[in-house]
Structures are given as structure tokens and as C-alpha cells.
């Protein structure tokens, strides 16, 4: 059985400035691309982006709930694959022999030998 380990990182909230990248959309796409490629070089596979509520402090006694976007990555867990005990293989299936009836019941309805009814 394949086991995965997961990693959640905050998604970029602002675009990255770069030469030749002018619009806000292009800068934001560049920031996402850099985050994906950075984790891919370490063997992490991108799974999805999740937006979850996060409760944080506001002032001295108040709290507020904000939405936080996180990027979820996964990779195959190498250590668990080698140390995990293997299940013993199941024996091959064989068919059970057909049961032999201990007695034979007569048929429920019989057709009379002659076609004429007897009185």
C-alpha cells in the first residue's frame, strides 16, 4: 500500500516582480509558478489549493475570522515503505466439492400413467 506524507504551505497573496512581467495577473501567476516549482524540485507533487477559515486575535479581547489559502503537496513516504511489515499472501482459492444429498425426495407432482381419470 502506498503511503503519502503531506505538506501545506501558505499560498502567495501578492505577485512577484520580474523583468517583462507587467500585469497583476501575470505577476501573481509567476508567484504561483515559482512556489510550485520550488516544491517540485524536492519531490513534492501539487494536490490542490484549499481556502480555510482561520481565527485570529483582534485587539485585546476580540477575535476575527479570516480566510487563508494554503497549497497542499504530497509525496510518497519512503521510510514507511521499507519498515512496514508486509501482509502474508493469502493461499490460493480452491473450490469446495459438491455436497452429495443424503436422501432423494420424490417429485412433488406426478403425471398419471393413463390420460383417463379413474372414478
C-alpha atoms as a PDB file:
ATOM      1  CA  UNK A   1       0.000   0.000   0.000  1.00  0.00           C
ATOM      2  CA  UNK A   2       1.376   3.395  -0.956  1.00  0.00           C
ATOM      3  CA  UNK A   3       1.641   5.857   1.905  1.00  0.00           C
ATOM      4  CA  UNK A   4       1.919   9.599   1.381  1.00  0.00           C
ATOM      5  CA  UNK A   5       3.160  12.449   3.503  1.00  0.00           C
ATOM      6  CA  UNK A   6       1.558  15.841   3.043  1.00  0.00           C
ATOM      7  CA  UNK A   7       2.792  19.404   3.292  1.00  0.00           C
ATOM      8  CA  UNK A   8       0.659  22.558   3.496  1.00  0.00           C
ATOM      9  CA  UNK A   9       2.197  25.948   2.749  1.00  0.00           C
ATOM     10  CA  UNK A  10       0.578  29.385   2.587  1.00  0.00           C
ATOM     11  CA  UNK A  11      -0.396  30.333  -0.941  1.00  0.00           C
ATOM     12  CA  UNK A  12       1.140  33.541  -2.277  1.00  0.00           C
ATOM     13  CA  UNK A  13      -1.047  36.597  -1.714  1.00  0.00           C
ATOM     14  CA  UNK A  14       0.989  39.002  -3.818  1.00  0.00           C
ATOM     15  CA  UNK A  15       2.626  38.708  -7.201  1.00  0.00           C
ATOM     16  CA  UNK A  16       6.373  38.589  -7.801  1.00  0.00           C
ATOM     17  CA  UNK A  17       8.049  41.409  -9.715  1.00  0.00           C
ATOM     18  CA  UNK A  18      10.148  40.258 -12.630  1.00  0.00           C
ATOM     19  CA  UNK A  19      11.501  41.682 -15.838  1.00  0.00           C
ATOM     20  CA  UNK A  20       8.910  41.591 -18.629  1.00  0.00           C
ATOM     21  CA  UNK A  21       6.015  40.782 -16.260  1.00  0.00           C
ATOM     22  CA  UNK A  22       3.757  43.838 -16.209  1.00  0.00           C
ATOM     23  CA  UNK A  23       0.194  42.986 -15.186  1.00  0.00           C
ATOM     24  CA  UNK A  24      -1.037  41.976 -11.758  1.00  0.00           C
ATOM     25  CA  UNK A  25      -2.368  38.678 -13.126  1.00  0.00           C
ATOM     26  CA  UNK A  26       0.987  37.799 -14.705  1.00  0.00           C
ATOM     27  CA  UNK A  27       2.876  38.652 -11.510  1.00  0.00           C
ATOM     28  CA  UNK A  28       0.518  36.533  -9.432  1.00  0.00           C
ATOM     29  CA  UNK A  29       0.800  33.624 -11.876  1.00  0.00           C
ATOM     30  CA  UNK A  30       4.594  33.923 -11.658  1.00  0.00           C
ATOM     31  CA  UNK A  31       4.447  33.742  -7.839  1.00  0.00           C
ATOM     32  CA  UNK A  32       2.299  30.589  -8.008  1.00  0.00           C
ATOM     33  CA  UNK A  33       4.590  29.032 -10.628  1.00  0.00           C
ATOM     34  CA  UNK A  34       7.684  29.710  -8.513  1.00  0.00           C
ATOM     35  CA  UNK A  35       6.038  28.147  -5.435  1.00  0.00           C
ATOM     36  CA  UNK A  36       5.016  25.046  -7.417  1.00  0.00           C
ATOM     37  CA  UNK A  37       8.461  24.607  -8.986  1.00  0.00           C
ATOM     38  CA  UNK A  38      10.249  25.156  -5.661  1.00  0.00           C
ATOM     39  CA  UNK A  39       8.395  22.267  -4.032  1.00  0.00           C
ATOM     40  CA  UNK A  40       8.521  20.066  -7.134  1.00  0.00           C
ATOM     41  CA  UNK A  41      12.333  20.070  -7.038  1.00  0.00           C
ATOM     42  CA  UNK A  42      12.115  18.487  -3.573  1.00  0.00           C
ATOM     43  CA  UNK A  43       9.827  15.721  -4.851  1.00  0.00           C
ATOM     44  CA  UNK A  44       6.518  17.222  -3.730  1.00  0.00           C
ATOM     45  CA  UNK A  45       3.503  16.738  -6.012  1.00  0.00           C
ATOM     46  CA  UNK A  46       0.890  19.508  -6.047  1.00  0.00           C
ATOM     47  CA  UNK A  47      -2.543  18.278  -4.899  1.00  0.00           C
ATOM     48  CA  UNK A  48      -4.799  21.345  -4.557  1.00  0.00           C
ATOM     49  CA  UNK A  49      -5.372  24.773  -3.039  1.00  0.00           C
ATOM     50  CA  UNK A  50      -7.682  24.988  -0.042  1.00  0.00           C
ATOM     51  CA  UNK A  51      -9.274  28.085   1.480  1.00  0.00           C
ATOM     52  CA  UNK A  52      -9.963  27.582   5.175  1.00  0.00           C
ATOM     53  CA  UNK A  53     -11.251  29.861   7.944  1.00  0.00           C
ATOM     54  CA  UNK A  54      -8.656  30.981  10.475  1.00  0.00           C
ATOM     55  CA  UNK A  55      -9.481  32.609  13.800  1.00  0.00           C
ATOM     56  CA  UNK A  56      -7.043  35.320  14.879  1.00  0.00           C
ATOM     57  CA  UNK A  57      -6.864  37.941  17.601  1.00  0.00           C
ATOM     58  CA  UNK A  58      -8.210  41.422  17.016  1.00  0.00           C
ATOM     59  CA  UNK A  59      -7.422  43.970  19.678  1.00  0.00           C
ATOM     60  CA  UNK A  60      -7.123  42.968  23.326  1.00  0.00           C
ATOM     61  CA  UNK A  61     -10.132  40.704  23.706  1.00  0.00           C
ATOM     62  CA  UNK A  62     -11.641  40.305  20.274  1.00  0.00           C
ATOM     63  CA  UNK A  63     -11.209  37.723  17.573  1.00  0.00           C
ATOM     64  CA  UNK A  64     -11.883  37.757  13.879  1.00  0.00           C
ATOM     65  CA  UNK A  65     -12.187  35.014  11.312  1.00  0.00           C
ATOM     66  CA  UNK A  66     -10.299  35.388   8.048  1.00  0.00           C
ATOM     67  CA  UNK A  67      -9.949  33.027   5.112  1.00  0.00           C
ATOM     68  CA  UNK A  68      -6.467  31.653   4.482  1.00  0.00           C
ATOM     69  CA  UNK A  69      -5.433  29.914   1.268  1.00  0.00           C
ATOM     70  CA  UNK A  70      -2.979  27.037   1.517  1.00  0.00           C
ATOM     71  CA  UNK A  71      -1.302  24.933  -1.140  1.00  0.00           C
ATOM     72  CA  UNK A  72      -1.302  21.184  -0.427  1.00  0.00           C
ATOM     73  CA  UNK A  73       1.539  18.972  -1.678  1.00  0.00           C
ATOM     74  CA  UNK A  74       2.219  15.265  -1.238  1.00  0.00           C
ATOM     75  CA  UNK A  75       4.987  12.752  -1.879  1.00  0.00           C
ATOM     76  CA  UNK A  76       5.457   9.048  -1.324  1.00  0.00           C
ATOM     77  CA  UNK A  77       6.662   8.290   2.169  1.00  0.00           C
ATOM     78  CA  UNK A  78       9.934   6.397   1.691  1.00  0.00           C
ATOM     79  CA  UNK A  79      10.702   5.379   5.292  1.00  0.00           C
ATOM     80  CA  UNK A  80       7.324   3.752   5.902  1.00  0.00           C
ATOM     81  CA  UNK A  81       7.561   1.616   2.786  1.00  0.00           C
ATOM     82  CA  UNK A  82      10.749  -0.132   3.918  1.00  0.00           C
ATOM     83  CA  UNK A  83       9.919  -0.593   7.639  1.00  0.00           C
ATOM     84  CA  UNK A  84       6.265  -1.514   7.267  1.00  0.00           C
ATOM     85  CA  UNK A  85       5.617  -5.243   7.799  1.00  0.00           C
ATOM     86  CA  UNK A  86       4.218  -6.987   4.765  1.00  0.00           C
ATOM     87  CA  UNK A  87       0.982  -8.927   4.981  1.00  0.00           C
ATOM     88  CA  UNK A  88       1.310 -12.642   4.367  1.00  0.00           C
ATOM     89  CA  UNK A  89      -0.084 -13.619   0.981  1.00  0.00           C
ATOM     90  CA  UNK A  90      -3.414 -15.395   1.045  1.00  0.00           C
ATOM     91  CA  UNK A  91      -3.483 -19.052  -0.028  1.00  0.00           C
ATOM     92  CA  UNK A  92      -4.960 -19.705  -3.467  1.00  0.00           C
ATOM     93  CA  UNK A  93      -8.693 -20.235  -3.621  1.00  0.00           C
ATOM     94  CA  UNK A  94      -9.951 -23.771  -4.241  1.00  0.00           C
ATOM     95  CA  UNK A  95     -13.475 -24.893  -4.953  1.00  0.00           C
ATOM     96  CA  UNK A  96     -15.239 -26.973  -2.336  1.00  0.00           C
ATOM     97  CA  UNK A  97     -16.511 -30.384  -3.509  1.00  0.00           C
ATOM     98  CA  UNK A  98     -20.183 -30.610  -4.433  1.00  0.00           C
ATOM     99  CA  UNK A  99     -22.253 -31.900  -1.496  1.00  0.00           C
ATOM    100  CA  UNK A 100     -23.938 -35.265  -2.063  1.00  0.00           C
ATOM    101  CA  UNK A 101     -27.574 -35.430  -0.973  1.00  0.00           C
ATOM    102  CA  UNK A 102     -28.272 -37.869   1.862  1.00  0.00           C
ATOM    103  CA  UNK A 103     -31.740 -38.719   0.512  1.00  0.00           C
ATOM    104  CA  UNK A 104     -33.639 -38.107  -2.678  1.00  0.00           C
ATOM    105  CA  UNK A 105     -37.143 -36.651  -2.389  1.00  0.00           C
ATOM    106  CA  UNK A 106     -39.787 -37.784  -4.905  1.00  0.00           C
ATOM    107  CA  UNK A 107     -41.134 -35.145  -7.287  1.00  0.00           C
ATOM    108  CA  UNK A 108     -43.964 -33.031  -5.887  1.00  0.00           C
ATOM    109  CA  UNK A 109     -46.395 -33.597  -8.767  1.00  0.00           C
ATOM    110  CA  UNK A 110     -46.701 -36.748 -10.849  1.00  0.00           C
ATOM    111  CA  UNK A 111     -48.363 -37.152 -14.163  1.00  0.00           C
ATOM    112  CA  UNK A 112     -50.685 -40.195 -14.103  1.00  0.00           C
ATOM    113  CA  UNK A 113     -49.830 -43.027 -16.492  1.00  0.00           C
ATOM    114  CA  UNK A 114     -53.244 -43.018 -18.152  1.00  0.00           C
ATOM    115  CA  UNK A 115     -54.911 -39.951 -19.566  1.00  0.00           C
ATOM    116  CA  UNK A 116     -58.390 -41.043 -18.324  1.00  0.00           C
ATOM    117  CA  UNK A 117     -59.452 -40.131 -14.828  1.00  0.00           C
ATOM    118  CA  UNK A 118     -60.394 -43.023 -12.572  1.00  0.00           C
ATOM    119  CA  UNK A 119     -63.672 -42.993 -10.668  1.00  0.00           C
END
